[in-house]
Amino acid sequence: MFLLWAVAQERLSVPFQHIDGQSTDKFKSPFFLGTCQSFLSSLSALAYIVIRGKSGSSLSSLLGLDLASMAQTNNSSNSKTNGSSSTKVDSPAPSSSAQSHTSSPTSKALLLRYLQVSAFITLAASFGFATLSYLTYPTMVLGKSCKLVPVMLMNFVMYRRRFAPHKYIVVAMVTVGISVFMGFGNEKPSKASSNGEQGSHGQLIGILYLLVNLILDGAVNSTQDEVFVRYKVTGQQMMFWINLFCTLLSTALGTLPLPHIPVLHPSGGLQSEFPNAIGFIRTHPSVIVPLVQFSLTGALGQLFIFETLQHFGSLTLVMITLTRKMFTMVLSVVVYDHKLTLGQWAGAGIVFGGISVEAWVKRKEVHAKRVLQEKEKAKIKSL
């Protein structure tokens, strides 16, 4: 599903043919894109919650706002190895400051956390979309594979969490792989922005946007870890609220008559983005198919991600994510005829090797926990 989403995302970053057949223009409405995807994602999450929820449950309980009853439910299911509790297997331990505040979580505080994550996601999506105007998609995918660094950094900065030693090795491998990939590229630095900036200056702008995107992603993941640890919500409940707030934020930013703001509001003058986006769709109908593909596959892909996380645990999710990243890069090379040097392929191998180490360690940890549980069960039966 995310392979199709990745193809659609890159397609939306290149010019589209005007109906007059004489000109091409780029689609410059990141908030419109975000609104379409987050709206469909919140609807799909809500439908999932309603369909899979227990009959007779209140709306607040279904949406994860009845924290007292949710705490009782989670306490009764702590013995499960999969399910929603598995999201905490790979999460770093909460800090002492967080533990001191977990005694009385409130729904208002939970909603504020969701709003915080949604704001980070809305900004990160804009910077990610702007990055594609300067860097090729394979470069961006490899850069996004360096996400472990900002995740660790933001977890420590925001919540004072520390990680297992092997995770630092993985981060080092990923960082080296990114450096090799970027250093051995021989692509023409002509992926220009809308105002004609080219060459190494344009690549530096793209790298800067990518770094901001990664830092925001790190803030998102660290805050999501905090929400899972403190509030014991399910993945689908988090998916619904985050996408709902993302829809509200992007709609507000897209309808306000904002001045020209690089990345956030590339349209000129005191114009709102949504009318411009609708006008672009009317004059460039070829954008409709990748726009619909981007929104639908993103919404359904998120649903599968959270479903996998809840029912099969984080190990399976890491394996799927690793496979998706590898095939995303290869698919982009095939579909859009990007050329990679041997050095870039070596860098990609180092990156994915580091991610494979992470997945292997997690597999050993899960296996060790299962063996321990089997031994405990055998002791109980012997008694």
Protein backbone atom coordinates (compact mmCIF):
# COMPACT_ATOMS: atom_id res chain seq x y z
CA MET A 1 0.00 0.00 0.00
CA PHE A 2 2.78 2.41 0.92
CA LEU A 3 4.61 1.57 -2.29
CA LEU A 4 1.70 3.11 -4.20
CA TRP A 5 1.65 6.00 -1.73
CA ALA A 6 5.36 6.66 -2.31
CA VAL A 7 4.92 6.66 -6.09
CA ALA A 8 2.01 9.10 -5.80
CA GLN A 9 3.97 11.38 -3.45
CA GLU A 10 6.86 11.68 -5.89
CA ARG A 11 4.49 12.16 -8.81
CA LEU A 12 2.90 15.11 -7.02
CA SER A 13 6.30 16.83 -6.79
CA VAL A 14 6.80 17.12 -10.58
CA PRO A 15 5.05 19.49 -13.04
CA PHE A 16 1.61 18.70 -14.47
CA GLN A 17 0.36 19.50 -17.97
CA HIS A 18 -2.01 22.48 -18.31
CA ILE A 19 -5.28 21.91 -20.17
CA ASP A 20 -4.03 24.25 -22.90
CA GLY A 21 -1.23 21.76 -23.58
CA GLN A 22 1.37 24.51 -23.76
CA SER A 23 2.67 24.77 -20.21
CA THR A 24 3.39 22.73 -17.11
CA ASP A 25 3.17 23.75 -13.46
CA LYS A 26 3.89 22.23 -10.08
CA PHE A 27 1.24 21.53 -7.48
CA LYS A 28 2.12 23.83 -4.55
CA SER A 29 -0.54 23.09 -1.96
CA PRO A 30 0.96 20.96 0.84
CA PHE A 31 -1.87 21.78 3.26
CA PHE A 32 -4.46 20.65 0.73
CA LEU A 33 -2.57 17.37 0.35
CA GLY A 34 -2.36 16.94 4.10
CA THR A 35 -6.04 17.71 4.57
CA CYS A 36 -7.13 15.14 2.00
CA GLN A 37 -5.04 12.39 3.53
CA SER A 38 -5.70 13.18 7.21
CA PHE A 39 -9.46 13.50 6.61
CA LEU A 40 -9.66 10.08 4.99
CA SER A 41 -7.34 8.64 7.65
CA SER A 42 -9.54 9.88 10.50
CA LEU A 43 -12.63 8.47 8.78
CA SER A 44 -10.99 5.08 8.26
CA ALA A 45 -9.80 5.00 11.89
CA LEU A 46 -13.26 5.96 13.16
CA ALA A 47 -14.89 3.27 11.02
CA TYR A 48 -12.41 0.72 12.34
CA ILE A 49 -13.04 1.74 15.97
CA VAL A 50 -16.82 1.56 15.58
CA ILE A 51 -16.76 -1.79 13.76
CA ARG A 52 -14.27 -3.45 16.10
CA GLY A 53 -15.45 -1.78 19.31
CA LYS A 54 -17.42 -3.60 22.00
CA SER A 55 -21.18 -3.27 21.74
CA GLY A 56 -22.65 -1.03 24.39
CA SER A 57 -19.44 0.95 24.88
CA SER A 58 -19.79 4.69 25.27
CA LEU A 59 -18.42 7.04 22.62
CA SER A 60 -15.77 8.38 25.00
CA SER A 61 -14.62 4.84 25.73
CA LEU A 62 -14.44 3.95 22.04
CA LEU A 63 -12.42 7.07 21.28
CA GLY A 64 -10.01 6.49 24.15
CA LEU A 65 -11.11 9.34 26.42
CA ASP A 66 -12.49 7.18 29.26
CA LEU A 67 -9.06 6.80 30.83
CA ALA A 68 -10.23 5.12 34.05
CA SER A 69 -11.88 2.18 32.30
CA MET A 70 -9.04 1.96 29.78
CA ALA A 71 -6.52 1.65 32.60
CA GLN A 72 -8.46 -1.27 34.06
CA THR A 73 -8.64 -2.96 30.67
CA ASN A 74 -4.92 -2.56 30.08
CA ASN A 75 -4.06 -3.87 33.54
CA SER A 76 -6.04 -7.02 32.83
CA SER A 77 -4.19 -7.59 29.55
CA ASN A 78 -0.62 -6.94 30.66
CA SER A 79 0.23 -10.63 30.26
CA LYS A 80 -0.30 -10.50 26.48
CA THR A 81 2.78 -10.38 24.30
CA ASN A 82 1.02 -8.88 21.30
CA GLY A 83 -1.85 -6.46 21.09
CA SER A 84 -1.68 -2.84 22.10
CA SER A 85 0.75 -3.62 24.88
CA SER A 86 3.33 -4.55 22.27
CA THR A 87 3.70 -0.93 21.35
CA LYS A 88 5.48 -0.46 24.61
CA VAL A 89 7.96 -3.30 24.01
CA ASP A 90 10.17 -1.14 21.82
CA SER A 91 9.36 2.14 23.53
CA PRO A 92 12.03 3.47 25.84
CA ALA A 93 11.24 3.50 29.50
CA PRO A 94 9.47 6.61 30.69
CA SER A 95 11.50 9.18 32.51
CA SER A 96 11.17 9.74 36.21
CA SER A 97 9.42 13.04 35.57
CA ALA A 98 6.89 11.27 33.39
CA GLN A 99 6.35 8.53 35.96
CA SER A 100 5.59 11.09 38.62
CA HIS A 101 2.72 12.45 36.55
CA THR A 102 1.13 9.17 35.44
CA SER A 103 -0.97 8.82 38.56
CA SER A 104 -3.84 10.96 37.33
CA PRO A 105 -3.91 11.39 33.53
CA THR A 106 -6.80 13.45 32.20
CA SER A 107 -8.56 13.43 28.85
CA LYS A 108 -7.79 17.15 28.44
CA ALA A 109 -4.06 16.49 28.79
CA LEU A 110 -4.37 13.60 26.33
CA LEU A 111 -6.10 15.78 23.75
CA LEU A 112 -3.41 18.42 24.14
CA ARG A 113 -0.79 15.75 23.44
CA TYR A 114 -2.68 14.74 20.31
CA LEU A 115 -2.81 18.39 19.23
CA GLN A 116 0.91 18.73 19.82
CA VAL A 117 1.65 15.67 17.68
CA SER A 118 -0.71 16.93 14.96
CA ALA A 119 1.05 20.30 14.83
CA PHE A 120 4.41 18.56 14.45
CA ILE A 121 3.03 16.30 11.70
CA THR A 122 1.47 19.20 9.79
CA LEU A 123 4.75 21.12 9.78
CA ALA A 124 6.81 18.01 8.99
CA ALA A 125 4.63 17.16 6.00
CA SER A 126 5.12 20.64 4.53
CA PHE A 127 8.89 20.43 4.87
CA GLY A 128 8.90 16.90 3.45
CA PHE A 129 6.92 18.00 0.41
CA ALA A 130 9.21 21.01 -0.10
CA THR A 131 12.29 18.77 0.11
CA LEU A 132 11.27 16.97 -3.08
CA SER A 133 11.67 20.23 -5.00
CA TYR A 134 15.42 20.09 -4.35
CA LEU A 135 16.35 16.44 -3.76
CA THR A 136 15.45 13.27 -5.61
CA TYR A 137 13.09 10.83 -3.95
CA PRO A 138 15.75 8.10 -3.35
CA THR A 139 17.87 10.70 -1.54
CA MET A 140 14.91 11.70 0.59
CA VAL A 141 14.05 8.06 1.38
CA LEU A 142 17.61 7.39 2.54
CA GLY A 143 17.55 10.60 4.55
CA LYS A 144 14.31 9.53 6.20
CA SER A 145 16.04 6.28 7.10
CA CYS A 146 18.23 8.43 9.36
CA LYS A 147 15.15 9.03 11.48
CA LEU A 148 16.66 7.14 14.43
CA VAL A 149 18.99 10.05 15.17
CA PRO A 150 16.32 12.74 15.72
CA VAL A 151 14.08 10.21 17.48
CA MET A 152 16.83 9.51 20.02
CA LEU A 153 17.70 13.18 20.28
CA MET A 154 14.13 14.37 20.83
CA ASN A 155 13.40 11.55 23.27
CA PHE A 156 16.33 12.71 25.38
CA VAL A 157 15.69 16.44 24.98
CA MET A 158 11.94 16.30 25.54
CA TYR A 159 11.54 13.34 27.93
CA ARG A 160 15.08 12.51 29.20
CA ARG A 161 14.97 8.94 27.93
CA ARG A 162 18.01 6.75 27.27
CA PHE A 163 18.39 3.77 24.95
CA ALA A 164 20.03 0.35 24.77
CA PRO A 165 23.68 0.29 23.59
CA HIS A 166 22.92 -1.52 20.32
CA LYS A 167 20.65 1.32 19.23
CA TYR A 168 23.61 3.70 19.14
CA ILE A 169 25.44 1.25 16.85
CA VAL A 170 22.43 1.20 14.55
CA VAL A 171 22.30 4.99 14.50
CA ALA A 172 26.01 5.16 13.65
CA MET A 173 25.58 2.72 10.74
CA VAL A 174 22.60 4.62 9.39
CA THR A 175 24.38 7.96 9.65
CA VAL A 176 27.49 6.64 7.86
CA GLY A 177 25.31 5.12 5.15
CA ILE A 178 23.54 8.43 4.59
CA SER A 179 26.87 10.25 4.32
CA VAL A 180 28.18 7.74 1.78
CA PHE A 181 24.97 7.95 -0.24
CA MET A 182 25.03 11.75 -0.34
CA GLY A 183 28.77 11.97 -1.01
CA PHE A 184 28.93 9.55 -3.95
CA GLY A 185 25.96 10.92 -5.87
CA ASN A 186 26.65 12.03 -9.43
CA GLU A 187 23.17 13.33 -10.28
CA LYS A 188 22.89 16.74 -11.85
CA PRO A 189 22.08 19.35 -9.23
CA SER A 190 19.36 20.79 -11.42
CA LYS A 191 16.35 19.84 -9.40
CA ALA A 192 15.32 23.43 -9.07
CA SER A 193 12.86 25.17 -6.93
CA SER A 194 9.95 27.21 -8.19
CA ASN A 195 12.02 30.40 -8.16
CA GLY A 196 14.83 28.96 -10.23
CA GLU A 197 17.50 28.24 -7.63
CA GLN A 198 19.84 25.52 -8.88
CA GLY A 199 23.13 23.81 -8.16
CA SER A 200 24.71 23.12 -4.80
CA HIS A 201 22.76 25.98 -3.21
CA GLY A 202 19.50 24.23 -4.06
CA GLN A 203 20.79 20.95 -2.65
CA LEU A 204 21.77 22.68 0.59
CA ILE A 205 18.25 24.05 0.88
CA GLY A 206 16.87 20.57 0.31
CA ILE A 207 19.13 19.10 2.98
CA LEU A 208 18.10 21.84 5.41
CA TYR A 209 14.41 21.13 4.77
CA LEU A 210 15.08 17.43 5.25
CA LEU A 211 16.82 18.05 8.59
CA VAL A 212 13.86 20.10 9.83
CA ASN A 213 11.52 17.35 8.68
CA LEU A 214 13.56 14.74 10.56
CA ILE A 215 13.64 16.79 13.78
CA LEU A 216 9.88 17.23 13.63
CA ASP A 217 9.47 13.50 12.96
CA GLY A 218 11.62 12.82 16.03
CA ALA A 219 9.37 15.05 18.11
CA VAL A 220 6.32 13.20 16.77
CA ASN A 221 7.67 9.74 17.61
CA SER A 222 8.94 10.70 21.05
CA THR A 223 5.60 12.26 21.95
CA GLN A 224 3.72 9.22 20.64
CA ASP A 225 5.88 7.03 22.88
CA GLU A 226 4.97 9.25 25.79
CA VAL A 227 1.25 9.00 25.00
CA PHE A 228 1.36 5.20 24.75
CA VAL A 229 3.22 4.93 28.06
CA ARG A 230 1.13 7.39 30.03
CA TYR A 231 -2.39 6.96 28.65
CA LYS A 232 -2.51 3.32 27.46
CA VAL A 233 -4.49 4.17 24.32
CA THR A 234 -4.78 1.90 21.29
CA GLY A 235 -3.17 2.63 17.96
CA GLN A 236 -6.49 3.24 16.22
CA GLN A 237 -7.59 5.74 18.85
CA MET A 238 -4.37 7.65 18.45
CA MET A 239 -4.70 7.47 14.67
CA PHE A 240 -8.22 8.96 14.80
CA TRP A 241 -7.44 11.91 17.06
CA ILE A 242 -4.13 12.83 15.46
CA ASN A 243 -5.61 12.82 11.97
CA LEU A 244 -8.67 14.72 13.14
CA PHE A 245 -6.52 17.49 14.59
CA CYS A 246 -4.30 17.43 11.49
CA THR A 247 -7.39 17.96 9.36
CA LEU A 248 -8.52 20.92 11.47
CA LEU A 249 -5.06 22.51 11.50
CA SER A 250 -4.38 22.10 7.79
CA THR A 251 -7.89 23.31 6.91
CA ALA A 252 -7.42 26.44 9.00
CA LEU A 253 -3.99 27.14 7.50
CA GLY A 254 -5.25 26.38 4.01
CA THR A 255 -8.24 28.72 4.16
CA LEU A 256 -6.59 31.70 5.85
CA PRO A 257 -5.37 34.48 3.50
CA LEU A 258 -1.72 34.17 4.47
CA PRO A 259 1.18 36.05 2.87
CA HIS A 260 3.93 34.20 1.03
CA ILE A 261 5.70 31.93 3.53
CA PRO A 262 8.39 29.58 2.18
CA VAL A 263 7.46 25.91 2.63
CA LEU A 264 4.28 26.60 4.61
CA HIS A 265 2.49 28.89 2.15
CA PRO A 266 4.31 29.08 -1.21
CA SER A 267 1.45 30.95 -2.90
CA GLY A 268 2.09 34.67 -3.42
CA GLY A 269 0.09 37.50 -1.92
CA LEU A 270 -2.62 37.39 0.71
CA GLN A 271 -4.26 34.34 -0.81
CA SER A 272 -5.68 31.23 0.77
CA GLU A 273 -4.25 27.95 -0.42
CA PHE A 274 -7.41 25.90 -0.92
CA PRO A 275 -8.98 28.07 -3.71
CA ASN A 276 -5.63 27.99 -5.50
CA ALA A 277 -5.48 24.21 -5.11
CA ILE A 278 -8.98 23.77 -6.50
CA GLY A 279 -8.16 26.12 -9.38
CA PHE A 280 -5.01 24.14 -10.11
CA ILE A 281 -7.00 20.90 -10.22
CA ARG A 282 -9.43 22.45 -12.71
CA THR A 283 -6.67 23.61 -15.04
CA HIS A 284 -4.44 20.55 -14.51
CA PRO A 285 -6.82 17.54 -14.38
CA SER A 286 -3.90 15.09 -14.61
CA VAL A 287 -3.18 15.81 -10.92
CA ILE A 288 -6.44 14.17 -9.82
CA VAL A 289 -5.31 10.54 -10.13
CA PRO A 290 -2.07 10.86 -8.09
CA LEU A 291 -3.90 13.09 -5.57
CA VAL A 292 -6.61 10.48 -4.99
CA GLN A 293 -4.00 7.72 -4.95
CA PHE A 294 -1.92 9.64 -2.40
CA SER A 295 -4.88 10.24 -0.07
CA LEU A 296 -6.44 6.77 -0.24
CA THR A 297 -3.25 4.76 0.00
CA GLY A 298 -2.01 6.96 2.84
CA ALA A 299 -5.23 6.52 4.81
CA LEU A 300 -5.43 2.76 4.26
CA GLY A 301 -1.70 2.36 4.83
CA GLN A 302 -1.93 4.03 8.23
CA LEU A 303 -4.77 1.70 9.16
CA PHE A 304 -2.70 -1.37 8.28
CA ILE A 305 0.29 0.02 10.16
CA PHE A 306 -1.69 0.47 13.38
CA GLU A 307 -3.47 -2.86 12.88
CA THR A 308 -0.12 -4.61 12.49
CA LEU A 309 1.28 -2.83 15.52
CA GLN A 310 -1.67 -3.83 17.67
CA HIS A 311 -2.06 -7.48 16.67
CA PHE A 312 1.42 -8.65 15.60
CA GLY A 313 3.76 -6.48 17.63
CA SER A 314 6.49 -4.05 16.73
CA LEU A 315 8.88 -6.71 15.36
CA THR A 316 6.62 -7.45 12.39
CA LEU A 317 6.07 -3.74 11.88
CA VAL A 318 9.82 -3.09 11.75
CA MET A 319 10.26 -5.89 9.20
CA ILE A 320 7.48 -4.45 7.03
CA THR A 321 8.89 -0.93 7.32
CA LEU A 322 12.36 -2.12 6.34
CA THR A 323 11.01 -3.99 3.32
CA ARG A 324 8.88 -1.03 2.29
CA LYS A 325 11.81 1.38 2.42
CA MET A 326 13.98 -0.89 0.30
CA PHE A 327 11.29 -1.46 -2.31
CA THR A 328 10.31 2.23 -2.26
CA MET A 329 13.81 3.26 -3.26
CA VAL A 330 14.10 0.55 -5.91
CA LEU A 331 10.64 1.34 -7.28
CA SER A 332 11.48 5.03 -7.52
CA VAL A 333 14.68 4.22 -9.43
CA VAL A 334 12.75 2.01 -11.86
CA VAL A 335 9.67 4.17 -12.36
CA TYR A 336 11.36 7.58 -12.55
CA ASP A 337 14.68 6.48 -14.06
CA HIS A 338 16.86 7.79 -11.24
CA LYS A 339 20.50 6.77 -11.54
CA LEU A 340 22.45 5.54 -8.53
CA THR A 341 26.22 5.08 -8.45
CA LEU A 342 27.95 2.09 -6.90
CA GLY A 343 28.88 4.28 -3.94
CA GLN A 344 25.25 5.21 -3.43
CA TRP A 345 24.21 1.56 -3.53
CA ALA A 346 26.93 0.85 -0.94
CA GLY A 347 25.56 3.64 1.25
CA ALA A 348 22.06 2.22 0.89
CA GLY A 349 23.38 -1.19 1.90
CA ILE A 350 24.97 0.26 5.05
CA VAL A 351 21.73 2.01 5.97
CA PHE A 352 19.56 -1.02 5.52
CA GLY A 353 22.22 -3.14 7.24
CA GLY A 354 21.87 -0.95 10.31
CA ILE A 355 18.09 -1.24 10.23
CA SER A 356 18.48 -5.02 9.86
CA VAL A 357 20.62 -5.10 13.01
CA GLU A 358 17.82 -3.29 14.85
CA ALA A 359 15.26 -5.79 13.59
CA TRP A 360 17.52 -8.74 14.50
CA VAL A 361 18.04 -7.50 18.06
CA LYS A 362 14.31 -6.95 18.48
CA ARG A 363 13.67 -10.46 17.23
CA LYS A 364 16.07 -11.87 19.82
CA GLU A 365 14.39 -9.83 22.57
CA VAL A 366 10.92 -11.03 21.61
CA HIS A 367 12.15 -14.63 21.40
CA ALA A 368 13.78 -14.36 24.83
CA LYS A 369 10.57 -13.00 26.33
CA ARG A 370 8.56 -15.84 24.81
CA VAL A 371 10.99 -18.43 26.18
CA LEU A 372 10.73 -16.84 29.64
CA GLN A 373 6.94 -16.90 29.45
CA GLU A 374 6.95 -20.56 28.43
CA LYS A 375 9.18 -21.39 31.41
CA GLU A 376 6.84 -19.52 33.76
CA LYS A 377 3.86 -21.39 32.34
CA ALA A 378 5.68 -24.70 32.80
CA LYS A 379 6.39 -23.85 36.46
CA ILE A 380 2.76 -22.99 37.05
CA LYS A 381 1.62 -26.29 35.51
CA SER A 382 4.10 -28.24 37.64
CA LEU A 383 2.61 -26.73 40.78
